[in-house]
Protein backbone atom coordinates (compact mmCIF):
# COMPACT_ATOMS: atom_id res chain seq x y z
CA UNK A 1 -56.34 -28.81 5.78
CA UNK A 2 -52.71 -29.75 5.88
CA UNK A 3 -49.91 -27.24 5.58
CA UNK A 4 -47.63 -27.99 2.67
CA UNK A 5 -43.93 -28.07 3.29
CA UNK A 6 -41.44 -26.78 0.76
CA UNK A 7 -39.65 -29.50 -1.15
CA UNK A 8 -36.24 -27.83 -1.14
CA UNK A 9 -33.22 -29.96 -0.41
CA UNK A 10 -31.05 -29.18 2.60
CA UNK A 11 -27.94 -27.14 1.92
CA UNK A 12 -24.73 -29.00 1.27
CA UNK A 13 -22.48 -29.65 4.28
CA UNK A 14 -19.26 -27.66 4.41
CA UNK A 15 -15.91 -29.08 5.43
CA UNK A 16 -14.89 -28.22 8.97
CA UNK A 17 -11.14 -28.75 8.48
CA UNK A 18 -8.92 -28.11 5.48
CA UNK A 19 -6.23 -30.52 4.31
CA UNK A 20 -3.65 -28.22 5.92
CA UNK A 21 -5.56 -28.48 9.22
CA UNK A 22 -5.38 -32.28 9.09
CA UNK A 23 -1.64 -32.14 8.46
CA UNK A 24 -1.17 -29.76 11.38
CA UNK A 25 -3.22 -31.99 13.67
CA UNK A 26 -1.26 -35.07 12.57
CA UNK A 27 2.04 -33.28 13.21
CA UNK A 28 0.89 -32.19 16.67
CA UNK A 29 -0.16 -35.76 17.50
CA UNK A 30 3.15 -37.13 16.25
CA UNK A 31 5.03 -34.63 18.41
CA UNK A 32 2.99 -35.56 21.47
CA UNK A 33 3.42 -39.28 20.76
CA UNK A 34 7.21 -38.88 20.86
CA UNK A 35 7.14 -37.56 24.44
CA UNK A 36 4.29 -39.53 26.03
CA UNK A 37 5.06 -42.51 28.21
CA UNK A 38 1.47 -43.68 28.76
CA UNK A 39 1.07 -46.74 26.52
CA UNK A 40 -2.74 -46.55 26.47
CA UNK A 41 -2.59 -42.87 25.52
CA UNK A 42 0.00 -43.68 22.86
CA UNK A 43 -2.28 -46.34 21.37
CA UNK A 44 -5.15 -43.83 21.14
CA UNK A 45 -2.83 -41.20 19.63
CA UNK A 46 -1.58 -43.66 17.03
CA UNK A 47 -5.13 -44.67 16.08
CA UNK A 48 -6.24 -41.04 15.72
CA UNK A 49 -3.07 -40.19 13.78
CA UNK A 50 -3.87 -43.01 11.38
CA UNK A 51 -7.53 -41.96 10.99
CA UNK A 52 -6.55 -38.37 10.28
CA UNK A 53 -4.07 -39.61 7.69
CA UNK A 54 -6.86 -41.13 5.64
CA UNK A 55 -8.13 -37.61 4.98
CA UNK A 56 -4.77 -36.23 3.86
CA UNK A 57 -3.86 -37.15 0.31
CA UNK A 58 -0.24 -37.84 -0.49
CA UNK A 59 0.75 -39.24 2.93
């Protein structure tokens, strides 16, 4: 005998961050980018800032 598994679908994933959270994170990164002197760190900050911006409509 084999045990039958329920055929229910997994629950829908919930968003971890709101749009306001993304804006706040982008603003914090921009502030940090203005004062950092490490060019490698600045490149990573700019890339992350850009990626976060794709989730914020209207920017």
